[in-house]
Amino acid sequence: MPARHPRGLYPLFFTEMWERFSFYLMLGLLYQYLVDGEKGGLGWTPREAASVYGSYIALVYFTPFLGGILADRLLGCRKTIVIGGVLMMIGHIVLAFEGVVALYVALGCLILGNGFFKPNISTLLGNLYPPGSPLKDAGFNIFYMGINIGAFICNFVAAAVRNAYGWHWAFATAGVGMFIGLIIFLANVRLFAEADSAASGDGPKESLTPLWVECLAPAVLMGALGFALVNMAGTQGASGAYSLLGFNGPTFAFLFACIPVVAFYVRLWRGIDDRLERGRVGALLAIFSVVVVFWAIFHQNGTALTDWAVENTDRRPAGPVKFVTEKFSEFAEDAPLSYYDNAGSDTPRPSRDQLQIVSDETYEALKKEKKLAPGTVTQKQFDAIYARADDTTPMLGREQKLHLVNAELFQSINPGLVIIFTPLLIAFWRSLAQRGMEPSTPGKIGIGLLLTAGGPVIMLLASMATGDGTPNEVKASPWWLFGAYCMLTVGELCLSPMGLSLVSKMAPARMRSLMMGGWFLSTAVGNKLSGIFGELYTEWDHKRFYALLIVCVLAAAGAIFAMLPWLKSELPAEDSGHQDEQQRAAG
């Protein structure tokens, strides 16, 4: 009788699906909300928005190492997951209120909630499978597909709610998704009792004192030191913020805070007496240090790629998309006036009498007070709108609006492709296993890094093809973004679920949640680097920017392949025979 996936896989699948629905709904809107100055957003500069976005997605993956330790040594996975879910639901609801204070309170709740939730639901899933199960990789791929179903759906809901009711109602909708996920988990919580016990091993729980004394307190102190250094020795920019070596205070604070956390993991590794366990933990730490680069590239989807979608992509509906937006107008937004800056002469313009020209000072005052009336522009903005127009350019009627596909919908390309590609990739690995050719899990991670390089390669070609940054710059076809997301998706599928599976296989049972937290810590550092890269995107020539990304990810792939013989030698015996077992299961 063929082996079957455990019953607990399916409620975990749907719990994670709804939690990721809420997480990615908010994430798809965050950067746009921060930079928007025409439709009720905060009107920040792209550099400021990239810094906050990068800090948020860094911290939201930094805290899982804390949540993993608390689950391992104190609360258990199930209680920690519930606490995290409640905190995230509160955070999404707080985002329904206007103002910077509400924004930061909400982000704080989401950061802590995700830290409690994220590593432990992955740990529960891994512990549902017996040691050596040939179904574990496939189980993580199925689980990963659930994540992406939620991430795919959420952007359509976000677009419809935002267009109809504004930013804050869209943010509040994320709280509904989190509530549904919590209900599903609580209704099935008894299914995970045995897996929860396995998460912390059979031995006594260790004291949390070393965590606070050796890790958390030093991290807080080092973060404060980094922030203070910028304010003492940095230079003040036009916005009033200080920077040092090109980095702002939050960036220095985060990087400094990571130092004692990384040192904590190194000491943990050196203190393991068992030679086998020590080798496997060392291999995991080596992989963690390399995949940082993947996340720095992948999470350009929230900064550089979102900015490209907003500013550089022709978002006029066409073909089947136009049919959908004509039938369901809530999936299309009215074009902001900035859209016309590099639009071709075939793009309809608002008639000149619809626009009211004001001085630069008046415009900035109205923008600051959030009192900008539709059609209010400066002389410079007015000239930019019609700079590329000619006698053939159609003009919109007084009540007409140019409708565009919402920029957040482009972020559904990645999860949509994950849903399509996941079963194909599982079948591909299975076919290789039947021939005895399936790569090891670390080998799949290296392949994923190589494929990821295709994303910035395509965007480099897009920048060259559209004259990006030149006087002759034109809007890009949306197919450039589609191609870039396609390469990033295939790379992600080879790397991210494999990393989760590898932690589950190689980490000692008593510290499995802690090492899962380490995986997310490496994600956090990569995410912060993605924010730093996002800041560079706003200042560098885009061709130079994408060339840098290509070099970084190829170097990371080279490092994985150089370490591959050692990494394979540290794999558990069941993983070394993984291909033969999958072949027998398939037969």
Protein backbone atom coordinates (compact mmCIF):
# COMPACT_ATOMS: atom_id res chain seq x y z
CA MET A 1 0.00 0.00 0.00
CA PRO A 2 1.57 3.33 -1.04
CA ALA A 3 2.49 5.76 1.70
CA ARG A 4 0.12 8.67 2.31
CA HIS A 5 0.62 12.17 3.57
CA PRO A 6 -0.41 12.69 7.24
CA ARG A 7 -3.88 14.07 7.95
CA GLY A 8 -2.45 17.17 9.59
CA LEU A 9 -0.96 18.37 6.28
CA TYR A 10 -4.30 19.64 5.02
CA PRO A 11 -5.39 21.87 7.94
CA LEU A 12 -1.84 23.26 8.04
CA PHE A 13 -2.14 23.89 4.29
CA PHE A 14 -5.32 25.96 4.73
CA THR A 15 -4.12 27.71 7.89
CA GLU A 16 -0.99 28.87 6.11
CA MET A 17 -2.95 29.74 2.97
CA TRP A 18 -5.13 32.25 4.84
CA GLU A 19 -2.27 33.60 6.93
CA ARG A 20 -0.26 34.24 3.76
CA PHE A 21 -3.36 35.78 2.16
CA SER A 22 -3.31 38.39 4.88
CA PHE A 23 0.47 38.80 4.90
CA TYR A 24 0.90 39.29 1.16
CA LEU A 25 -2.21 41.44 0.79
CA MET A 26 -0.64 43.96 3.13
CA LEU A 27 2.83 43.55 1.61
CA GLY A 28 1.57 44.14 -1.93
CA LEU A 29 0.15 47.51 -0.86
CA LEU A 30 2.78 48.73 1.60
CA TYR A 31 5.37 50.33 -0.73
CA GLN A 32 2.67 51.91 -2.90
CA TYR A 33 0.88 53.28 0.16
CA LEU A 34 4.08 54.84 1.49
CA VAL A 35 4.95 56.64 -1.78
CA ASP A 36 1.44 57.55 -2.92
CA GLY A 37 0.75 61.27 -2.69
CA GLU A 38 -2.38 61.48 -4.85
CA LYS A 39 -4.83 58.92 -3.42
CA GLY A 40 -4.49 59.17 0.35
CA GLY A 41 -1.09 57.55 0.90
CA LEU A 42 1.72 58.97 3.00
CA GLY A 43 3.61 60.60 0.11
CA TRP A 44 7.10 59.53 1.19
CA THR A 45 10.09 59.53 -1.15
CA PRO A 46 10.92 56.18 -2.86
CA ARG A 47 14.16 55.98 -0.85
CA GLU A 48 12.34 56.44 2.48
CA ALA A 49 9.71 53.89 1.45
CA ALA A 50 12.34 51.34 0.38
CA SER A 51 14.12 51.75 3.72
CA VAL A 52 10.95 51.15 5.77
CA TYR A 53 9.82 48.32 3.52
CA GLY A 54 13.22 46.63 3.79
CA SER A 55 13.31 47.08 7.57
CA TYR A 56 9.81 45.63 7.92
CA ILE A 57 10.38 42.50 5.85
CA ALA A 58 13.74 42.06 7.59
CA LEU A 59 12.27 42.24 11.08
CA VAL A 60 9.26 40.15 10.14
CA TYR A 61 11.72 37.32 9.36
CA PHE A 62 14.18 38.25 12.12
CA THR A 63 11.75 37.48 14.95
CA PRO A 64 11.06 33.83 13.93
CA PHE A 65 14.34 32.77 15.53
CA LEU A 66 12.90 34.12 18.82
CA GLY A 67 9.58 32.40 18.21
CA GLY A 68 11.41 29.15 17.49
CA ILE A 69 13.34 29.32 20.74
CA LEU A 70 10.23 30.13 22.78
CA ALA A 71 8.43 27.16 21.23
CA ASP A 72 11.39 24.82 21.76
CA ARG A 73 12.05 25.74 25.38
CA LEU A 74 8.86 27.15 26.84
CA LEU A 75 5.50 27.24 25.03
CA GLY A 76 5.44 24.51 22.39
CA CYS A 77 4.56 25.07 18.75
CA ARG A 78 0.76 25.14 19.00
CA LYS A 79 0.49 27.83 21.68
CA THR A 80 3.13 29.95 19.96
CA ILE A 81 1.29 29.72 16.63
CA VAL A 82 -1.99 30.89 18.19
CA ILE A 83 -0.31 33.85 19.95
CA GLY A 84 1.33 34.83 16.68
CA GLY A 85 -1.92 34.61 14.74
CA VAL A 86 -3.75 36.84 17.22
CA LEU A 87 -0.98 39.46 17.11
CA MET A 88 -1.02 39.52 13.31
CA MET A 89 -4.79 39.89 13.20
CA ILE A 90 -4.53 42.89 15.56
CA GLY A 91 -1.79 44.40 13.38
CA HIS A 92 -3.89 44.22 10.22
CA ILE A 93 -6.86 45.80 11.99
CA VAL A 94 -4.71 48.68 13.30
CA LEU A 95 -3.63 49.40 9.71
CA ALA A 96 -7.23 50.33 9.02
CA PHE A 97 -6.55 53.59 10.89
CA GLU A 98 -4.77 56.54 9.32
CA GLY A 99 -1.49 58.07 10.42
CA VAL A 100 2.16 57.22 10.92
CA VAL A 101 1.64 56.14 14.55
CA ALA A 102 -0.95 53.54 13.52
CA LEU A 103 1.42 52.35 10.78
CA TYR A 104 4.29 51.70 13.18
CA VAL A 105 2.07 50.08 15.85
CA ALA A 106 0.61 47.79 13.20
CA LEU A 107 4.02 46.88 11.81
CA GLY A 108 5.23 46.08 15.34
CA CYS A 109 2.33 43.67 15.93
CA LEU A 110 2.89 42.02 12.54
CA ILE A 111 6.62 41.64 13.16
CA LEU A 112 6.11 39.94 16.54
CA GLY A 113 3.15 37.87 15.35
CA ASN A 114 4.95 36.50 12.33
CA GLY A 115 7.93 35.65 14.52
CA PHE A 116 5.77 33.46 16.73
CA PHE A 117 3.79 31.93 13.87
CA LYS A 118 6.10 31.29 10.93
CA PRO A 119 8.87 28.92 12.12
CA ASN A 120 6.57 26.78 14.22
CA ILE A 121 3.98 25.92 11.60
CA SER A 122 6.82 24.75 9.33
CA THR A 123 8.28 22.73 12.23
CA LEU A 124 4.92 21.08 12.92
CA LEU A 125 4.64 20.08 9.28
CA GLY A 126 8.10 18.49 9.27
CA ASN A 127 7.39 16.55 12.46
CA LEU A 128 4.20 15.06 11.03
CA TYR A 129 6.40 12.86 8.81
CA PRO A 130 8.42 9.94 10.24
CA PRO A 131 12.21 10.03 9.86
CA GLY A 132 13.30 9.08 6.35
CA SER A 133 9.86 9.57 4.80
CA PRO A 134 10.19 9.86 0.99
CA LEU A 135 7.10 12.10 1.02
CA LYS A 136 8.59 14.93 3.09
CA ASP A 137 9.93 17.00 0.16
CA ALA A 138 6.61 16.61 -1.67
CA GLY A 139 4.76 17.55 1.53
CA PHE A 140 6.69 20.79 1.81
CA ASN A 141 6.04 21.51 -1.86
CA ILE A 142 2.29 21.00 -1.32
CA PHE A 143 2.43 23.22 1.76
CA TYR A 144 4.31 25.82 -0.28
CA MET A 145 1.59 25.71 -2.91
CA GLY A 146 -0.96 26.58 -0.20
CA ILE A 147 1.11 29.63 0.69
CA ASN A 148 0.98 30.76 -2.89
CA ILE A 149 -2.74 30.19 -3.39
CA GLY A 150 -3.27 32.73 -0.61
CA ALA A 151 -0.65 35.05 -2.07
CA PHE A 152 -2.27 34.83 -5.52
CA ILE A 153 -5.84 35.56 -4.45
CA CYS A 154 -5.02 38.38 -2.05
CA ASN A 155 -3.89 40.92 -4.66
CA PHE A 156 -7.20 40.73 -6.53
CA VAL A 157 -9.06 41.34 -3.28
CA ALA A 158 -6.66 44.16 -2.41
CA ALA A 159 -7.15 45.83 -5.80
CA ALA A 160 -10.94 45.64 -5.64
CA VAL A 161 -11.20 46.93 -2.07
CA ARG A 162 -8.57 49.66 -2.56
CA ASN A 163 -10.20 50.96 -5.73
CA ALA A 164 -13.64 51.02 -4.11
CA TYR A 165 -12.88 52.14 -0.55
CA GLY A 166 -9.22 53.21 -0.26
CA TRP A 167 -6.01 51.99 1.33
CA HIS A 168 -7.19 51.42 4.88
CA TRP A 169 -10.19 49.23 4.10
CA ALA A 170 -7.89 47.11 1.95
CA PHE A 171 -5.48 46.72 4.88
CA ALA A 172 -8.36 45.77 7.18
CA THR A 173 -9.38 42.99 4.77
CA ALA A 174 -6.10 41.24 5.60
CA GLY A 175 -7.31 40.87 9.20
CA VAL A 176 -10.29 38.85 7.99
CA GLY A 177 -7.96 36.38 6.27
CA MET A 178 -5.90 35.95 9.44
CA PHE A 179 -9.06 35.31 11.46
CA ILE A 180 -10.13 32.52 9.09
CA GLY A 181 -6.68 30.92 9.34
CA LEU A 182 -6.82 30.94 13.14
CA ILE A 183 -10.24 29.27 13.18
CA ILE A 184 -9.01 26.46 10.89
CA PHE A 185 -5.94 25.84 13.07
CA LEU A 186 -7.87 25.83 16.36
CA ALA A 187 -10.49 23.46 14.94
CA ASN A 188 -7.75 20.90 14.15
CA VAL A 189 -5.25 21.60 16.94
CA ARG A 190 -5.47 18.07 18.42
CA LEU A 191 -4.07 16.59 15.20
CA PHE A 192 -0.71 18.21 15.96
CA ALA A 193 -0.18 17.04 19.57
CA GLU A 194 2.38 14.34 18.71
CA ALA A 195 4.21 16.60 16.23
CA ASP A 196 4.33 19.36 18.86
CA SER A 197 5.94 17.03 21.39
CA ALA A 198 8.52 15.92 18.81
CA ALA A 199 9.45 19.54 18.12
CA SER A 200 11.29 19.94 21.41
CA GLY A 201 12.72 16.43 21.65
CA ASP A 202 12.59 14.06 24.57
CA GLY A 203 15.05 15.80 26.88
CA PRO A 204 14.41 18.56 29.40
CA LYS A 205 13.92 22.08 28.13
CA GLU A 206 16.93 24.33 28.41
CA SER A 207 16.99 27.59 30.30
CA LEU A 208 16.10 30.76 28.43
CA THR A 209 18.67 32.76 30.41
CA PRO A 210 21.49 32.35 27.84
CA LEU A 211 19.11 33.60 25.14
CA TRP A 212 18.39 36.82 27.00
CA VAL A 213 21.93 37.38 28.31
CA GLU A 214 23.99 36.26 25.31
CA CYS A 215 21.71 37.16 22.44
CA LEU A 216 18.67 39.40 22.89
CA ALA A 217 20.05 42.00 25.31
CA PRO A 218 23.28 42.39 23.27
CA ALA A 219 21.20 42.64 20.08
CA VAL A 220 19.15 45.50 21.54
CA LEU A 221 22.28 47.27 22.77
CA MET A 222 24.12 46.81 19.48
CA GLY A 223 21.09 48.05 17.54
CA ALA A 224 20.94 51.17 19.70
CA LEU A 225 24.69 51.67 19.22
CA GLY A 226 24.37 51.42 15.44
CA PHE A 227 21.55 53.96 15.39
CA ALA A 228 23.50 56.32 17.66
CA LEU A 229 26.62 56.10 15.49
CA VAL A 230 24.68 57.31 12.48
CA ASN A 231 23.21 60.24 14.39
CA MET A 232 26.56 61.21 15.92
CA ALA A 233 28.89 60.73 12.95
CA GLY A 234 26.49 60.77 10.00
CA THR A 235 25.53 63.54 7.62
CA GLN A 236 22.08 65.08 7.48
CA GLY A 237 20.23 64.81 4.19
CA ALA A 238 17.56 67.00 2.68
CA SER A 239 14.81 65.03 4.43
CA GLY A 240 16.37 65.69 7.85
CA ALA A 241 17.47 62.05 8.27
CA TYR A 242 21.08 61.13 8.99
CA SER A 243 23.16 58.62 7.04
CA LEU A 244 26.62 57.11 7.42
CA LEU A 245 28.43 55.45 4.51
CA GLY A 246 25.17 55.76 2.61
CA PHE A 247 23.17 53.81 5.26
CA ASN A 248 20.47 55.38 7.40
CA GLY A 249 19.91 54.84 11.13
CA PRO A 250 17.44 51.91 10.91
CA THR A 251 19.75 50.05 8.52
CA PHE A 252 22.79 50.47 10.77
CA ALA A 253 20.68 49.47 13.79
CA PHE A 254 19.51 46.27 12.10
CA LEU A 255 22.95 45.25 10.86
CA PHE A 256 24.52 45.88 14.27
CA ALA A 257 21.72 43.95 16.02
CA CYS A 258 22.43 40.92 13.81
CA ILE A 259 26.01 40.60 15.10
CA PRO A 260 25.22 39.08 18.54
CA VAL A 261 22.47 36.90 17.01
CA VAL A 262 24.87 35.41 14.48
CA ALA A 263 27.44 34.96 17.27
CA PHE A 264 24.78 33.14 19.32
CA TYR A 265 24.28 30.58 16.54
CA VAL A 266 28.03 30.13 16.12
CA ARG A 267 28.44 29.48 19.87
CA LEU A 268 25.48 27.10 19.74
CA TRP A 269 27.17 25.16 16.94
CA ARG A 270 30.55 25.05 18.71
CA GLY A 271 28.91 23.85 21.93
CA ILE A 272 27.38 20.71 20.35
CA ASP A 273 29.25 17.65 21.65
CA ASP A 274 27.86 15.07 19.26
CA ARG A 275 30.09 15.07 16.17
CA LEU A 276 27.30 14.08 13.77
CA GLU A 277 24.91 16.74 15.04
CA ARG A 278 27.63 19.37 15.02
CA GLY A 279 28.46 18.65 11.38
CA ARG A 280 24.85 18.91 10.30
CA VAL A 281 24.22 22.16 12.17
CA GLY A 282 27.41 23.58 10.65
CA ALA A 283 26.19 22.62 7.17
CA LEU A 284 22.87 24.35 7.83
CA LEU A 285 24.61 27.52 9.00
CA ALA A 286 26.74 27.53 5.84
CA ILE A 287 23.63 27.27 3.66
CA PHE A 288 21.91 30.01 5.68
CA SER A 289 24.81 32.37 4.99
CA VAL A 290 24.58 31.87 1.22
CA VAL A 291 20.81 32.00 0.67
CA VAL A 292 20.87 35.54 2.10
CA VAL A 293 21.64 36.64 -1.46
CA PHE A 294 18.59 34.88 -2.88
CA TRP A 295 16.22 36.77 -0.59
CA ALA A 296 17.96 40.07 -1.35
CA ILE A 297 17.18 39.48 -5.04
CA PHE A 298 13.76 37.87 -4.66
CA HIS A 299 12.28 40.63 -2.48
CA GLN A 300 12.93 43.27 -5.08
CA ASN A 301 9.34 42.38 -5.97
CA GLY A 302 8.22 44.78 -3.24
CA THR A 303 10.53 47.68 -4.12
CA ALA A 304 12.35 47.78 -7.48
CA LEU A 305 9.89 45.58 -9.38
CA THR A 306 6.88 47.33 -7.85
CA ASP A 307 8.39 50.71 -8.74
CA TRP A 308 9.01 49.43 -12.29
CA ALA A 309 5.38 48.30 -12.51
CA VAL A 310 4.12 51.69 -11.28
CA GLU A 311 6.45 53.98 -13.23
CA ASN A 312 7.85 52.07 -16.21
CA THR A 313 5.23 49.51 -17.27
CA ASP A 314 2.42 50.07 -19.76
CA ARG A 315 -0.50 49.10 -17.52
CA ARG A 316 -3.32 49.83 -19.97
CA PRO A 317 -5.60 46.75 -20.10
CA ALA A 318 -5.43 44.79 -23.33
CA GLY A 319 -6.83 41.51 -24.66
CA PRO A 320 -8.49 39.26 -22.05
CA VAL A 321 -7.39 41.63 -19.27
CA LYS A 322 -9.30 44.48 -20.91
CA PHE A 323 -12.39 42.29 -21.13
CA VAL A 324 -12.14 41.56 -17.39
CA THR A 325 -11.61 45.20 -16.37
CA GLU A 326 -14.52 46.33 -18.54
CA LYS A 327 -16.79 43.77 -16.88
CA PHE A 328 -15.36 44.33 -13.39
CA SER A 329 -14.23 47.94 -13.14
CA GLU A 330 -13.04 47.44 -9.55
CA PHE A 331 -9.95 45.66 -10.90
CA ALA A 332 -8.71 48.82 -12.66
CA GLU A 333 -7.59 52.09 -11.07
CA ASP A 334 -7.70 55.62 -12.45
CA ALA A 335 -4.31 56.62 -13.84
CA PRO A 336 -2.32 58.95 -11.54
CA LEU A 337 -0.96 62.00 -13.35
CA SER A 338 2.61 60.77 -12.89
CA TYR A 339 1.79 57.83 -15.19
CA TYR A 340 1.99 60.10 -18.26
CA ASP A 341 5.60 61.18 -17.72
CA ASN A 342 7.05 58.50 -20.00
CA ALA A 343 3.84 57.38 -21.75
CA GLY A 344 3.88 57.20 -25.54
CA SER A 345 1.90 59.49 -27.83
CA ASP A 346 -0.79 56.79 -28.26
CA THR A 347 -1.71 57.00 -24.56
CA PRO A 348 -4.82 59.18 -24.06
CA ARG A 349 -4.18 62.33 -22.02
CA PRO A 350 -6.53 64.30 -19.79
CA SER A 351 -7.73 67.47 -21.49
CA ARG A 352 -5.74 70.53 -20.41
CA ASP A 353 -8.74 72.25 -18.89
CA GLN A 354 -9.08 69.42 -16.36
CA LEU A 355 -5.79 70.38 -14.71
CA GLN A 356 -5.14 73.22 -12.29
CA ILE A 357 -1.60 74.58 -12.14
CA VAL A 358 -0.32 75.77 -8.76
CA SER A 359 3.10 76.86 -7.50
CA ASP A 360 5.59 74.31 -6.20
CA GLU A 361 5.19 75.65 -2.67
CA THR A 362 1.40 75.43 -2.77
CA TYR A 363 1.55 71.92 -4.19
CA GLU A 364 3.88 70.68 -1.42
CA ALA A 365 1.73 72.33 1.27
CA LEU A 366 -1.45 70.72 -0.09
CA LYS A 367 0.30 67.37 -0.39
CA LYS A 368 1.54 67.53 3.20
CA GLU A 369 -1.95 68.34 4.44
CA LYS A 370 -3.47 65.62 2.21
CA LYS A 371 -5.67 68.21 0.52
CA LEU A 372 -4.53 67.74 -3.09
CA ALA A 373 -7.59 67.97 -5.31
CA PRO A 374 -7.70 65.70 -8.40
CA GLY A 375 -5.96 67.40 -11.31
CA THR A 376 -3.76 69.72 -9.22
CA VAL A 377 -0.26 69.95 -10.74
CA THR A 378 2.82 72.13 -10.86
CA GLN A 379 3.96 73.69 -14.11
CA LYS A 380 6.75 71.10 -14.36
CA GLN A 381 4.27 68.24 -13.94
CA PHE A 382 1.91 69.82 -16.48
CA ASP A 383 4.68 70.03 -19.06
CA ALA A 384 5.75 66.41 -18.42
CA ILE A 385 2.21 65.13 -18.98
CA TYR A 386 2.07 66.54 -22.53
CA ALA A 387 5.79 66.38 -23.44
CA ARG A 388 5.34 63.22 -25.53
CA ALA A 389 1.88 64.06 -26.85
CA ASP A 390 1.39 65.09 -30.48
CA ASP A 391 -1.45 65.82 -32.87
CA THR A 392 -2.45 62.14 -32.95
CA THR A 393 -2.69 61.76 -29.17
CA PRO A 394 -6.29 61.11 -28.10
CA MET A 395 -7.70 63.35 -25.36
CA LEU A 396 -10.01 62.15 -22.61
CA GLY A 397 -13.39 63.78 -22.13
CA ARG A 398 -14.08 65.83 -19.03
CA GLU A 399 -15.63 62.91 -17.12
CA GLN A 400 -13.38 60.24 -18.60
CA LYS A 401 -10.51 58.53 -16.80
CA LEU A 402 -7.69 56.40 -18.15
CA HIS A 403 -8.01 53.00 -16.50
CA LEU A 404 -4.93 50.98 -15.56
CA VAL A 405 -4.31 47.54 -14.12
CA ASN A 406 -3.43 47.92 -10.42
CA ALA A 407 0.31 47.57 -9.85
CA GLU A 408 -0.22 45.12 -6.96
CA LEU A 409 -1.76 42.62 -9.39
CA PHE A 410 1.67 42.05 -10.91
CA GLN A 411 2.67 40.52 -7.59
CA SER A 412 0.17 37.72 -8.23
CA ILE A 413 2.33 36.54 -11.14
CA ASN A 414 4.81 34.86 -8.80
CA PRO A 415 2.33 32.89 -6.66
CA GLY A 416 0.22 32.09 -9.71
CA LEU A 417 3.24 30.54 -11.40
CA VAL A 418 4.10 28.66 -8.19
CA ILE A 419 0.65 27.04 -8.29
CA ILE A 420 1.22 26.01 -11.92
CA PHE A 421 4.87 24.97 -11.62
CA THR A 422 4.76 23.12 -8.27
CA PRO A 423 3.12 19.88 -9.53
CA LEU A 424 5.27 20.03 -12.67
CA LEU A 425 8.43 20.36 -10.60
CA ILE A 426 7.41 17.55 -8.25
CA ALA A 427 6.81 15.34 -11.29
CA PHE A 428 10.17 16.39 -12.73
CA TRP A 429 12.06 15.49 -9.55
CA ARG A 430 10.18 12.19 -9.40
CA SER A 431 11.15 11.35 -12.97
CA LEU A 432 14.80 12.09 -12.16
CA ALA A 433 14.55 9.94 -9.02
CA GLN A 434 13.27 7.02 -11.09
CA ARG A 435 16.44 7.30 -13.19
CA GLY A 436 18.68 7.74 -10.13
CA MET A 437 19.49 11.30 -11.22
CA GLU A 438 17.63 13.45 -8.68
CA PRO A 439 19.91 16.16 -7.21
CA SER A 440 20.42 16.28 -3.46
CA THR A 441 18.52 18.93 -1.53
CA PRO A 442 21.59 21.24 -1.35
CA GLY A 443 22.06 20.66 -5.10
CA LYS A 444 18.51 21.85 -5.75
CA ILE A 445 19.29 25.01 -3.74
CA GLY A 446 22.32 25.69 -5.96
CA ILE A 447 20.23 25.17 -9.10
CA GLY A 448 17.65 27.58 -7.68
CA LEU A 449 20.28 30.29 -7.24
CA LEU A 450 21.46 29.87 -10.84
CA LEU A 451 17.91 30.18 -12.16
CA THR A 452 17.26 33.22 -9.96
CA ALA A 453 19.95 35.11 -11.90
CA GLY A 454 17.58 35.05 -14.88
CA GLY A 455 15.28 37.58 -13.17
CA PRO A 456 17.73 40.50 -13.06
CA VAL A 457 19.07 39.47 -16.51
CA ILE A 458 15.61 40.00 -18.00
CA MET A 459 15.18 43.32 -16.20
CA LEU A 460 18.61 44.44 -17.44
CA LEU A 461 17.45 43.69 -20.99
CA ALA A 462 14.16 45.53 -20.30
CA SER A 463 16.08 48.61 -19.14
CA MET A 464 18.19 48.54 -22.29
CA ALA A 465 15.22 47.96 -24.62
CA THR A 466 13.12 50.85 -23.25
CA GLY A 467 15.88 53.47 -23.04
CA ASP A 468 15.39 53.56 -19.29
CA GLY A 469 16.84 56.75 -17.81
CA THR A 470 17.32 58.46 -21.18
CA PRO A 471 15.33 61.30 -22.79
CA ASN A 472 13.81 58.74 -25.19
CA GLU A 473 12.56 56.45 -22.41
CA VAL A 474 9.29 54.64 -23.15
CA LYS A 475 6.90 52.46 -21.18
CA ALA A 476 7.85 48.77 -21.08
CA SER A 477 5.66 45.87 -22.06
CA PRO A 478 4.28 43.98 -19.03
CA TRP A 479 5.80 40.82 -20.53
CA TRP A 480 9.23 41.91 -19.26
CA LEU A 481 7.95 41.73 -15.70
CA PHE A 482 6.21 38.45 -16.42
CA GLY A 483 9.48 36.95 -17.68
CA ALA A 484 11.44 38.19 -14.67
CA TYR A 485 8.87 36.81 -12.24
CA CYS A 486 8.91 33.50 -14.13
CA MET A 487 12.66 33.05 -13.57
CA LEU A 488 12.44 34.16 -9.93
CA THR A 489 9.60 31.69 -9.36
CA VAL A 490 11.46 28.66 -10.74
CA GLY A 491 14.49 29.64 -8.66
CA GLU A 492 12.31 30.04 -5.58
CA LEU A 493 10.71 26.60 -6.00
CA CYS A 494 14.11 24.96 -6.20
CA LEU A 495 15.35 26.80 -3.12
CA SER A 496 12.77 27.89 -0.58
CA PRO A 497 10.74 24.71 0.08
CA MET A 498 13.96 22.71 -0.16
CA GLY A 499 15.50 24.86 2.57
CA LEU A 500 12.55 24.25 4.87
CA SER A 501 12.78 20.52 4.18
CA LEU A 502 16.54 20.49 4.75
CA VAL A 503 16.20 22.08 8.19
CA SER A 504 13.61 19.49 9.13
CA LYS A 505 15.94 16.68 8.01
CA MET A 506 19.25 17.88 9.44
CA ALA A 507 18.48 19.80 12.64
CA PRO A 508 18.60 17.83 15.91
CA ALA A 509 15.07 17.31 17.24
CA ARG A 510 15.65 19.31 20.43
CA MET A 511 16.61 22.44 18.46
CA ARG A 512 14.57 22.01 15.29
CA SER A 513 12.40 25.10 15.83
CA LEU A 514 15.52 27.08 16.73
CA MET A 515 17.23 26.09 13.46
CA MET A 516 14.02 26.81 11.55
CA GLY A 517 14.25 30.25 13.13
CA GLY A 518 17.83 30.42 11.83
CA TRP A 519 16.55 29.82 8.30
CA PHE A 520 14.20 32.75 8.71
CA LEU A 521 17.00 34.82 10.25
CA SER A 522 18.99 34.37 7.03
CA THR A 523 15.83 35.42 5.19
CA ALA A 524 15.66 38.52 7.40
CA VAL A 525 19.20 39.59 6.59
CA GLY A 526 18.52 39.03 2.90
CA ASN A 527 15.31 41.02 3.14
CA LYS A 528 17.11 43.95 4.74
CA LEU A 529 19.67 43.79 1.95
CA SER A 530 16.77 43.87 -0.50
CA GLY A 531 15.69 47.16 1.10
CA ILE A 532 19.23 48.52 0.77
CA PHE A 533 19.26 47.41 -2.86
CA GLY A 534 15.85 49.07 -3.24
CA GLU A 535 17.34 52.34 -2.03
CA LEU A 536 20.14 51.96 -4.59
CA TYR A 537 17.51 51.40 -7.28
CA THR A 538 16.12 54.88 -6.66
CA GLU A 539 19.55 56.47 -7.15
CA TRP A 540 21.56 54.30 -9.54
CA ASP A 541 21.24 53.82 -13.27
CA HIS A 542 18.97 50.78 -13.53
CA LYS A 543 21.28 48.89 -15.89
CA ARG A 544 24.11 49.19 -13.36
CA PHE A 545 21.73 48.14 -10.60
CA TYR A 546 20.63 44.91 -12.31
CA ALA A 547 24.21 44.08 -13.29
CA LEU A 548 25.11 44.20 -9.57
CA LEU A 549 22.27 41.79 -8.72
CA ILE A 550 23.43 39.34 -11.41
CA VAL A 551 27.00 39.29 -10.06
CA CYS A 552 25.80 38.76 -6.46
CA VAL A 553 23.50 35.82 -7.20
CA LEU A 554 26.00 34.06 -9.47
CA ALA A 555 28.64 34.36 -6.74
CA ALA A 556 26.21 32.78 -4.25
CA ALA A 557 25.48 29.90 -6.64
CA GLY A 558 29.19 29.34 -7.06
CA ALA A 559 29.62 29.13 -3.29
CA ILE A 560 26.91 26.46 -2.94
CA PHE A 561 28.36 24.30 -5.70
CA ALA A 562 31.85 24.64 -4.21
CA MET A 563 30.54 23.36 -0.85
CA LEU A 564 28.32 20.66 -2.38
CA PRO A 565 30.56 17.60 -1.68
CA TRP A 566 30.81 18.57 1.99
CA LEU A 567 27.10 19.38 2.27
CA LYS A 568 26.10 16.04 0.75
CA SER A 569 28.40 14.21 3.18
CA GLU A 570 26.52 15.74 6.11
CA LEU A 571 23.06 14.71 4.91
CA PRO A 572 21.22 12.07 6.98
CA ALA A 573 21.51 8.52 5.65
CA GLU A 574 17.84 8.50 4.69
CA ASP A 575 18.37 11.55 2.48
CA SER A 576 21.39 9.96 0.82
CA GLY A 577 19.09 7.09 -0.18
CA HIS A 578 16.26 9.48 -0.85
CA GLN A 579 16.28 8.90 -4.60
CA ASP A 580 16.00 5.12 -4.29
CA GLU A 581 13.19 5.42 -1.74
CA GLN A 582 11.22 7.80 -3.95
CA GLN A 583 11.72 5.39 -6.86
CA ARG A 584 10.31 2.52 -4.79
CA ALA A 585 7.39 4.69 -3.63
CA ALA A 586 6.65 5.73 -7.20
CA GLY A 587 6.78 2.10 -8.34
